[in-house]
Structure formats: structure tokens, C-alpha cells
Amino acid sequence: MAIARVWRGVTREARADEYLDYLNETGVSACRATEGNLGVRVLRRVADGRAEFVFVSLWESFDAIRRFAGDDVERAVYYPEDEDFLLELEPTVAHYEVAVDV
């Protein structure tokens, strides 16, 4: 059974495209390069001058997640310029069992 790791972040709408490019270069690339990663989905919603991103990475096991995130799998992973883009840094992520995958 796969595990979904879900993180959320918010930028200003004016920087949404720039942040998406950065997210692809950092988090998406790092997840995809980690053994045990089954894929990544990035969702974006723009409203009221803000762009909310939901980053869903799929994993074969918690051991695979540890290879990406380190021993504290609940801790969010951030990259150097995230502080410049994001309105706040969520300290944790959520994990879910993938119950249906069609």
C-alpha cells in the first residue's frame, strides 16, 4: 500500500508561476530522485491575491520517505529560497494511506 505525503504552502499570487518553477527544481526533483518515490502531484489554487500549493508525493514505504525527509518524517522539508517565496513555513506534513488509486 502506498503512502501519500502532503504538504501545503502559500505564496503571493504575483509569484505563483515563479514559485512553481522553483518547486519543480527543488522538491519535485528531489522526491523523484529518491529511491521508493512513486510520483509527485502539485496542486495550485489562486484566489484573493494568494496562491496555495498542495504538494502530494507518493511513496512505497516510510523507509523511502526517510530517505527523502530524514528520520523525522513528520517534519516538512524546505529549500533555501522557500523563506523568500512562502508567506509562512508549515513545520509539519501529513501522511495518508492511499486507499484508492485508479
N, C-alpha and C. Protein backbone atom coordinates (compact mmCIF):
# COMPACT_ATOMS: atom_id res chain seq x y z
N MET A 1 0.84 -1.19 0.00
CA MET A 1 0.00 0.00 0.00
C MET A 1 0.88 1.24 0.00
N ALA A 2 0.61 2.18 -0.87
CA ALA A 2 1.40 3.41 -0.98
C ALA A 2 1.02 4.40 0.11
N ILE A 3 1.95 5.31 0.36
CA ILE A 3 1.74 6.37 1.35
C ILE A 3 1.83 7.71 0.63
N ALA A 4 0.85 8.58 0.89
CA ALA A 4 0.87 9.94 0.34
C ALA A 4 1.38 10.88 1.43
N ARG A 5 2.35 11.69 1.07
CA ARG A 5 2.91 12.71 1.97
C ARG A 5 2.39 14.05 1.45
N VAL A 6 1.69 14.81 2.28
CA VAL A 6 1.00 16.02 1.84
C VAL A 6 1.53 17.24 2.59
N TRP A 7 1.95 18.23 1.82
CA TRP A 7 2.46 19.49 2.35
C TRP A 7 1.69 20.63 1.69
N ARG A 8 1.50 21.72 2.42
CA ARG A 8 0.83 22.90 1.88
C ARG A 8 1.70 24.13 2.07
N GLY A 9 1.65 25.03 1.07
CA GLY A 9 2.36 26.29 1.16
C GLY A 9 1.60 27.36 0.40
N VAL A 10 1.81 28.63 0.81
CA VAL A 10 1.10 29.74 0.19
C VAL A 10 2.10 30.83 -0.19
N THR A 11 1.95 31.33 -1.42
CA THR A 11 2.75 32.47 -1.89
C THR A 11 1.79 33.59 -2.30
N ARG A 12 2.37 34.72 -2.62
CA ARG A 12 1.58 35.79 -3.23
C ARG A 12 1.25 35.38 -4.67
N GLU A 13 0.08 35.74 -5.13
CA GLU A 13 -0.36 35.36 -6.48
C GLU A 13 0.67 35.81 -7.53
N ALA A 14 1.25 36.98 -7.36
CA ALA A 14 2.19 37.51 -8.34
C ALA A 14 3.44 36.64 -8.50
N ARG A 15 3.72 35.78 -7.51
CA ARG A 15 4.91 34.93 -7.57
C ARG A 15 4.57 33.47 -7.80
N ALA A 16 3.32 33.17 -8.11
CA ALA A 16 2.87 31.78 -8.22
C ALA A 16 3.63 31.00 -9.29
N ASP A 17 3.79 31.56 -10.47
CA ASP A 17 4.49 30.84 -11.54
C ASP A 17 5.96 30.66 -11.21
N GLU A 18 6.55 31.71 -10.67
CA GLU A 18 7.97 31.65 -10.28
C GLU A 18 8.19 30.58 -9.20
N TYR A 19 7.27 30.52 -8.22
CA TYR A 19 7.41 29.51 -7.16
C TYR A 19 7.20 28.11 -7.71
N LEU A 20 6.26 27.94 -8.63
CA LEU A 20 6.05 26.63 -9.22
C LEU A 20 7.32 26.15 -9.93
N ASP A 21 7.98 27.02 -10.66
CA ASP A 21 9.26 26.65 -11.29
C ASP A 21 10.28 26.23 -10.25
N TYR A 22 10.37 27.01 -9.17
CA TYR A 22 11.31 26.71 -8.09
C TYR A 22 10.97 25.37 -7.43
N LEU A 23 9.69 25.14 -7.21
CA LEU A 23 9.24 23.89 -6.60
C LEU A 23 9.61 22.69 -7.47
N ASN A 24 9.48 22.84 -8.78
CA ASN A 24 9.88 21.78 -9.70
C ASN A 24 11.38 21.50 -9.63
N GLU A 25 12.18 22.57 -9.52
CA GLU A 25 13.63 22.44 -9.47
C GLU A 25 14.11 21.82 -8.16
N THR A 26 13.37 22.03 -7.08
CA THR A 26 13.82 21.58 -5.75
C THR A 26 13.04 20.35 -5.29
N GLY A 27 11.90 20.56 -4.70
CA GLY A 27 11.14 19.47 -4.08
C GLY A 27 10.73 18.36 -5.03
N VAL A 28 10.21 18.72 -6.19
CA VAL A 28 9.77 17.70 -7.15
C VAL A 28 10.97 16.88 -7.61
N SER A 29 12.04 17.55 -7.98
CA SER A 29 13.24 16.85 -8.45
C SER A 29 13.83 15.96 -7.36
N ALA A 30 13.88 16.47 -6.13
CA ALA A 30 14.45 15.68 -5.02
C ALA A 30 13.60 14.45 -4.73
N CYS A 31 12.29 14.61 -4.72
CA CYS A 31 11.42 13.44 -4.50
C CYS A 31 11.62 12.40 -5.59
N ARG A 32 11.57 12.84 -6.83
CA ARG A 32 11.68 11.91 -7.96
C ARG A 32 13.01 11.18 -7.98
N ALA A 33 14.06 11.82 -7.44
CA ALA A 33 15.39 11.21 -7.42
C ALA A 33 15.59 10.26 -6.24
N THR A 34 14.61 10.19 -5.33
CA THR A 34 14.73 9.36 -4.14
C THR A 34 14.16 7.97 -4.41
N GLU A 35 14.95 6.96 -4.12
CA GLU A 35 14.50 5.58 -4.28
C GLU A 35 13.24 5.35 -3.45
N GLY A 36 12.23 4.77 -4.07
CA GLY A 36 10.97 4.49 -3.38
C GLY A 36 9.89 5.52 -3.64
N ASN A 37 10.22 6.59 -4.36
CA ASN A 37 9.20 7.57 -4.72
C ASN A 37 8.37 7.02 -5.87
N LEU A 38 7.06 7.13 -5.76
CA LEU A 38 6.13 6.61 -6.77
C LEU A 38 5.51 7.71 -7.62
N GLY A 39 5.88 8.96 -7.36
CA GLY A 39 5.33 10.06 -8.14
C GLY A 39 5.05 11.27 -7.28
N VAL A 40 4.80 12.39 -7.96
CA VAL A 40 4.52 13.66 -7.29
C VAL A 40 3.38 14.34 -8.02
N ARG A 41 2.47 14.94 -7.26
CA ARG A 41 1.42 15.77 -7.82
C ARG A 41 1.49 17.12 -7.11
N VAL A 42 1.43 18.20 -7.87
CA VAL A 42 1.39 19.53 -7.28
C VAL A 42 0.09 20.18 -7.71
N LEU A 43 -0.70 20.57 -6.73
CA LEU A 43 -1.99 21.23 -6.97
C LEU A 43 -1.80 22.72 -6.66
N ARG A 44 -2.48 23.57 -7.44
CA ARG A 44 -2.37 25.01 -7.20
C ARG A 44 -3.75 25.63 -7.28
N ARG A 45 -4.02 26.53 -6.34
CA ARG A 45 -5.29 27.25 -6.31
C ARG A 45 -4.97 28.73 -6.08
N VAL A 46 -5.44 29.59 -6.98
CA VAL A 46 -5.19 31.03 -6.87
C VAL A 46 -6.50 31.72 -6.55
N ALA A 47 -6.49 32.50 -5.49
CA ALA A 47 -7.68 33.26 -5.08
C ALA A 47 -7.26 34.36 -4.12
N ASP A 48 -7.92 35.50 -4.22
CA ASP A 48 -7.72 36.61 -3.28
C ASP A 48 -6.26 37.04 -3.16
N GLY A 49 -5.54 37.03 -4.27
CA GLY A 49 -4.17 37.51 -4.26
C GLY A 49 -3.15 36.52 -3.72
N ARG A 50 -3.59 35.31 -3.45
CA ARG A 50 -2.70 34.28 -2.90
C ARG A 50 -2.73 33.04 -3.79
N ALA A 51 -1.64 32.30 -3.78
CA ALA A 51 -1.58 31.03 -4.49
C ALA A 51 -1.24 29.94 -3.48
N GLU A 52 -2.18 29.02 -3.30
CA GLU A 52 -1.96 27.90 -2.38
C GLU A 52 -1.49 26.69 -3.18
N PHE A 53 -0.44 26.07 -2.70
CA PHE A 53 0.09 24.86 -3.32
C PHE A 53 -0.11 23.68 -2.37
N VAL A 54 -0.57 22.58 -2.94
CA VAL A 54 -0.64 21.32 -2.20
C VAL A 54 0.28 20.35 -2.93
N PHE A 55 1.30 19.89 -2.22
CA PHE A 55 2.34 19.03 -2.78
C PHE A 55 2.08 17.62 -2.24
N VAL A 56 1.76 16.72 -3.13
CA VAL A 56 1.47 15.34 -2.74
C VAL A 56 2.53 14.44 -3.37
N SER A 57 3.34 13.82 -2.53
CA SER A 57 4.31 12.86 -3.03
C SER A 57 3.87 11.47 -2.60
N LEU A 58 4.07 10.52 -3.46
CA LEU A 58 3.64 9.14 -3.22
C LEU A 58 4.86 8.26 -3.00
N TRP A 59 4.77 7.39 -1.99
CA TRP A 59 5.92 6.61 -1.55
C TRP A 59 5.55 5.15 -1.34
N GLU A 60 6.53 4.28 -1.52
CA GLU A 60 6.28 2.85 -1.31
C GLU A 60 6.33 2.46 0.16
N SER A 61 6.99 3.27 1.02
CA SER A 61 7.12 2.93 2.44
C SER A 61 7.61 4.14 3.23
N PHE A 62 7.54 4.03 4.57
CA PHE A 62 8.10 5.08 5.41
C PHE A 62 9.63 5.09 5.32
N ASP A 63 10.23 3.96 5.06
CA ASP A 63 11.69 3.94 4.85
C ASP A 63 12.06 4.80 3.65
N ALA A 64 11.27 4.73 2.59
CA ALA A 64 11.52 5.56 1.41
C ALA A 64 11.35 7.04 1.76
N ILE A 65 10.34 7.37 2.54
CA ILE A 65 10.13 8.75 2.97
C ILE A 65 11.32 9.23 3.79
N ARG A 66 11.86 8.38 4.66
CA ARG A 66 13.04 8.75 5.46
C ARG A 66 14.24 9.07 4.57
N ARG A 67 14.37 8.36 3.46
CA ARG A 67 15.48 8.66 2.55
C ARG A 67 15.37 10.08 2.00
N PHE A 68 14.15 10.56 1.86
CA PHE A 68 13.93 11.93 1.38
C PHE A 68 13.96 12.95 2.52
N ALA A 69 13.22 12.68 3.60
CA ALA A 69 12.96 13.68 4.63
C ALA A 69 13.84 13.57 5.86
N GLY A 70 14.54 12.46 6.03
CA GLY A 70 15.30 12.25 7.25
C GLY A 70 14.49 11.48 8.27
N ASP A 71 15.05 11.32 9.46
CA ASP A 71 14.43 10.48 10.48
C ASP A 71 13.07 11.00 10.96
N ASP A 72 12.91 12.32 11.03
CA ASP A 72 11.63 12.89 11.47
C ASP A 72 10.74 13.08 10.24
N VAL A 73 10.01 12.02 9.88
CA VAL A 73 9.22 12.05 8.64
C VAL A 73 8.07 13.05 8.70
N GLU A 74 7.69 13.49 9.89
CA GLU A 74 6.60 14.46 10.02
C GLU A 74 7.06 15.88 9.73
N ARG A 75 8.37 16.13 9.76
CA ARG A 75 8.91 17.47 9.55
C ARG A 75 8.89 17.82 8.06
N ALA A 76 8.44 19.02 7.76
CA ALA A 76 8.44 19.50 6.37
C ALA A 76 9.88 19.73 5.90
N VAL A 77 10.11 19.50 4.62
CA VAL A 77 11.42 19.73 4.02
C VAL A 77 11.36 21.06 3.27
N TYR A 78 12.30 21.96 3.58
CA TYR A 78 12.36 23.25 2.92
C TYR A 78 13.71 23.45 2.24
N TYR A 79 13.72 24.34 1.26
CA TYR A 79 14.91 24.65 0.48
C TYR A 79 15.26 26.13 0.68
N PRO A 80 16.49 26.53 0.33
CA PRO A 80 16.99 27.86 0.70
C PRO A 80 16.07 29.04 0.37
N GLU A 81 15.43 29.06 -0.78
CA GLU A 81 14.62 30.23 -1.16
C GLU A 81 13.16 30.14 -0.74
N ASP A 82 12.76 29.05 -0.08
CA ASP A 82 11.37 28.93 0.36
C ASP A 82 10.96 30.10 1.25
N GLU A 83 11.86 30.54 2.13
CA GLU A 83 11.53 31.66 3.02
C GLU A 83 11.23 32.93 2.24
N ASP A 84 11.85 33.08 1.09
CA ASP A 84 11.62 34.26 0.25
C ASP A 84 10.25 34.20 -0.44
N PHE A 85 9.82 33.00 -0.80
CA PHE A 85 8.55 32.83 -1.53
C PHE A 85 7.33 32.68 -0.62
N LEU A 86 7.46 31.88 0.42
CA LEU A 86 6.29 31.46 1.20
C LEU A 86 5.89 32.49 2.25
N LEU A 87 4.59 32.63 2.46
CA LEU A 87 4.07 33.57 3.45
C LEU A 87 4.28 33.05 4.86
N GLU A 88 4.33 31.74 5.02
CA GLU A 88 4.67 31.11 6.30
C GLU A 88 5.20 29.72 6.01
N LEU A 89 5.97 29.18 6.94
CA LEU A 89 6.55 27.85 6.77
C LEU A 89 5.86 26.87 7.71
N GLU A 90 5.03 26.03 7.14
CA GLU A 90 4.36 24.99 7.93
C GLU A 90 5.43 24.03 8.45
N PRO A 91 5.46 23.74 9.74
CA PRO A 91 6.53 22.89 10.27
C PRO A 91 6.37 21.40 9.96
N THR A 92 5.14 20.96 9.69
CA THR A 92 4.91 19.53 9.52
C THR A 92 4.13 19.22 8.25
N VAL A 93 4.11 17.95 7.91
CA VAL A 93 3.33 17.43 6.79
C VAL A 93 2.36 16.39 7.35
N ALA A 94 1.48 15.89 6.50
CA ALA A 94 0.56 14.82 6.88
C ALA A 94 0.80 13.62 5.97
N HIS A 95 0.62 12.44 6.51
CA HIS A 95 0.75 11.21 5.73
C HIS A 95 -0.59 10.48 5.71
N TYR A 96 -0.90 9.88 4.56
CA TYR A 96 -2.15 9.16 4.37
C TYR A 96 -1.86 7.85 3.66
N GLU A 97 -2.59 6.82 4.02
CA GLU A 97 -2.56 5.59 3.22
C GLU A 97 -3.33 5.86 1.95
N VAL A 98 -2.83 5.42 0.83
CA VAL A 98 -3.54 5.57 -0.43
C VAL A 98 -4.56 4.42 -0.49
N ALA A 99 -5.82 4.75 -0.29
CA ALA A 99 -6.87 3.74 -0.22
C ALA A 99 -7.41 3.35 -1.58
N VAL A 100 -7.42 4.31 -2.53
CA VAL A 100 -7.87 4.05 -3.89
C VAL A 100 -6.91 4.77 -4.83
N ASP A 101 -6.45 4.08 -5.84
CA ASP A 101 -5.55 4.69 -6.82
C ASP A 101 -5.92 4.09 -8.18
N VAL A 102 -6.71 4.83 -8.94
CA VAL A 102 -7.18 4.32 -10.24
C VAL A 102 -6.62 5.12 -11.39
